[in-house]
C-alpha cells in the first residue's frame, strides 16, 4: 500500500532523473554544436587535468582542481588560488 511518503519519494526520484536527463541532453547538444569530436574533447580534458600548476605560496606543484572553474588547491599548504588560463598551450 502506498502512503503519502512513498508517493512523495517516488515523485522526488522521478524529478531528479528528469533533471539529469535534461542536463545530459543539453550538454550533448552543446558539444555537437561546438563541432568538437569526442576524441578531441577527451584529449583536451586530459591536458587540462594533467597540467602542473605551481602554488603561489610554497611554489610546489598543485594537482587538485576544484570544481569546474579555474580554482586550484595546493595539496601541501592547502592554499586555494586562481590558476592559469583554462586551456593549456599546445
C-alpha atoms as a PDB file:
ATOM      1  CA  UNK A   1       0.000   0.000   0.000  1.00  0.00           C
ATOM      2  CA  UNK A   2       1.381   3.404  -0.974  1.00  0.00           C
ATOM      3  CA  UNK A   3       1.153   6.171   1.547  1.00  0.00           C
ATOM      4  CA  UNK A   4       1.950   9.863   1.034  1.00  0.00           C
ATOM      5  CA  UNK A   5       5.594   9.460   1.989  1.00  0.00           C
ATOM      6  CA  UNK A   6       6.218   6.782  -0.651  1.00  0.00           C
ATOM      7  CA  UNK A   7       4.371   8.772  -3.295  1.00  0.00           C
ATOM      8  CA  UNK A   8       6.424  11.888  -2.474  1.00  0.00           C
ATOM      9  CA  UNK A   9       9.644   9.842  -2.547  1.00  0.00           C
ATOM     10  CA  UNK A  10       8.793   8.370  -5.954  1.00  0.00           C
ATOM     11  CA  UNK A  11       7.914  11.835  -7.297  1.00  0.00           C
ATOM     12  CA  UNK A  12      11.238  13.194  -5.996  1.00  0.00           C
ATOM     13  CA  UNK A  13      13.217  10.381  -7.631  1.00  0.00           C
ATOM     14  CA  UNK A  14      11.390  10.848 -10.940  1.00  0.00           C
ATOM     15  CA  UNK A  15      12.069  14.603 -10.788  1.00  0.00           C
ATOM     16  CA  UNK A  16      15.782  14.025 -10.190  1.00  0.00           C
ATOM     17  CA  UNK A  17      16.011  11.559 -13.075  1.00  0.00           C
ATOM     18  CA  UNK A  18      14.217  14.007 -15.387  1.00  0.00           C
ATOM     19  CA  UNK A  19      16.613  16.812 -14.385  1.00  0.00           C
ATOM     20  CA  UNK A  20      19.653  14.608 -15.039  1.00  0.00           C
ATOM     21  CA  UNK A  21      18.371  13.513 -18.448  1.00  0.00           C
ATOM     22  CA  UNK A  22      17.560  17.129 -19.394  1.00  0.00           C
ATOM     23  CA  UNK A  23      21.038  18.308 -18.353  1.00  0.00           C
ATOM     24  CA  UNK A  24      22.715  15.481 -20.240  1.00  0.00           C
ATOM     25  CA  UNK A  25      20.769  16.218 -23.419  1.00  0.00           C
ATOM     26  CA  UNK A  26      21.544  19.931 -23.148  1.00  0.00           C
ATOM     27  CA  UNK A  27      25.251  19.211 -22.649  1.00  0.00           C
ATOM     28  CA  UNK A  28      25.346  16.783 -25.564  1.00  0.00           C
ATOM     29  CA  UNK A  29      23.613  19.356 -27.793  1.00  0.00           C
ATOM     30  CA  UNK A  30      26.220  21.970 -26.820  1.00  0.00           C
ATOM     31  CA  UNK A  31      29.051  19.547 -27.604  1.00  0.00           C
ATOM     32  CA  UNK A  32      27.578  18.699 -31.008  1.00  0.00           C
ATOM     33  CA  UNK A  33      27.030  22.398 -31.790  1.00  0.00           C
ATOM     34  CA  UNK A  34      30.663  23.205 -30.945  1.00  0.00           C
ATOM     35  CA  UNK A  35      31.942  20.925 -33.701  1.00  0.00           C
ATOM     36  CA  UNK A  36      34.498  19.239 -31.436  1.00  0.00           C
ATOM     37  CA  UNK A  37      34.775  15.491 -31.896  1.00  0.00           C
ATOM     38  CA  UNK A  38      34.661  13.115 -28.949  1.00  0.00           C
ATOM     39  CA  UNK A  39      38.337  12.256 -29.210  1.00  0.00           C
ATOM     40  CA  UNK A  40      39.366  15.934 -29.371  1.00  0.00           C
ATOM     41  CA  UNK A  41      37.268  16.686 -26.288  1.00  0.00           C
ATOM     42  CA  UNK A  42      38.847  13.766 -24.408  1.00  0.00           C
ATOM     43  CA  UNK A  43      42.358  14.931 -25.321  1.00  0.00           C
ATOM     44  CA  UNK A  44      41.571  18.498 -24.204  1.00  0.00           C
ATOM     45  CA  UNK A  45      40.110  17.307 -20.886  1.00  0.00           C
ATOM     46  CA  UNK A  46      43.176  15.132 -20.339  1.00  0.00           C
ATOM     47  CA  UNK A  47      45.533  18.065 -20.992  1.00  0.00           C
ATOM     48  CA  UNK A  48      43.580  20.264 -18.560  1.00  0.00           C
ATOM     49  CA  UNK A  49      43.625  17.615 -15.819  1.00  0.00           C
ATOM     50  CA  UNK A  50      47.311  16.828 -16.254  1.00  0.00           C
ATOM     51  CA  UNK A  51      48.554  20.409 -16.056  1.00  0.00           C
ATOM     52  CA  UNK A  52      51.178  21.146 -13.479  1.00  0.00           C
ATOM     53  CA  UNK A  53      50.261  24.355 -11.689  1.00  0.00           C
ATOM     54  CA  UNK A  54      52.636  25.849  -9.118  1.00  0.00           C
ATOM     55  CA  UNK A  55      51.291  27.133  -5.831  1.00  0.00           C
ATOM     56  CA  UNK A  56      51.963  30.875  -5.403  1.00  0.00           C
ATOM     57  CA  UNK A  57      52.681  30.406  -1.685  1.00  0.00           C
ATOM     58  CA  UNK A  58      55.016  27.389  -1.477  1.00  0.00           C
ATOM     59  CA  UNK A  59      55.994  27.087  -5.194  1.00  0.00           C
ATOM     60  CA  UNK A  60      55.243  23.356  -5.255  1.00  0.00           C
ATOM     61  CA  UNK A  61      53.212  21.575  -7.929  1.00  0.00           C
ATOM     62  CA  UNK A  62      49.465  21.528  -7.168  1.00  0.00           C
ATOM     63  CA  UNK A  63      47.258  18.863  -8.701  1.00  0.00           C
ATOM     64  CA  UNK A  64      43.852  19.499  -7.123  1.00  0.00           C
ATOM     65  CA  UNK A  65      41.463  21.268  -9.486  1.00  0.00           C
ATOM     66  CA  UNK A  66      38.388  22.443  -7.564  1.00  0.00           C
ATOM     67  CA  UNK A  67      35.110  22.036  -9.421  1.00  0.00           C
ATOM     68  CA  UNK A  68      34.751  23.178 -12.994  1.00  0.00           C
ATOM     69  CA  UNK A  69      36.205  26.647 -12.602  1.00  0.00           C
ATOM     70  CA  UNK A  70      39.828  27.685 -12.549  1.00  0.00           C
ATOM     71  CA  UNK A  71      40.276  27.292  -8.787  1.00  0.00           C
ATOM     72  CA  UNK A  72      43.171  25.184  -7.558  1.00  0.00           C
ATOM     73  CA  UNK A  73      44.162  23.920  -4.108  1.00  0.00           C
ATOM     74  CA  UNK A  74      47.704  23.094  -3.106  1.00  0.00           C
ATOM     75  CA  UNK A  75      47.970  19.653  -1.528  1.00  0.00           C
ATOM     76  CA  UNK A  76      50.974  20.718   0.552  1.00  0.00           C
ATOM     77  CA  UNK A  77      49.935  24.021   2.168  1.00  0.00           C
ATOM     78  CA  UNK A  78      46.146  23.943   1.413  1.00  0.00           C
ATOM     79  CA  UNK A  79      46.283  27.349  -0.291  1.00  0.00           C
ATOM     80  CA  UNK A  80      43.375  27.934  -2.692  1.00  0.00           C
ATOM     81  CA  UNK A  81      44.212  30.111  -5.675  1.00  0.00           C
ATOM     82  CA  UNK A  82      43.217  31.074  -9.200  1.00  0.00           C
ATOM     83  CA  UNK A  83      45.105  29.025 -11.791  1.00  0.00           C
ATOM     84  CA  UNK A  84      46.394  29.849 -15.248  1.00  0.00           C
ATOM     85  CA  UNK A  85      44.192  30.097 -18.342  1.00  0.00           C
ATOM     86  CA  UNK A  86      41.768  27.221 -18.734  1.00  0.00           C
ATOM     87  CA  UNK A  87      43.245  25.990 -21.996  1.00  0.00           C
ATOM     88  CA  UNK A  88      46.867  24.852 -21.803  1.00  0.00           C
ATOM     89  CA  UNK A  89      49.229  25.926 -24.573  1.00  0.00           C
ATOM     90  CA  UNK A  90      49.533  23.408 -27.401  1.00  0.00           C
END
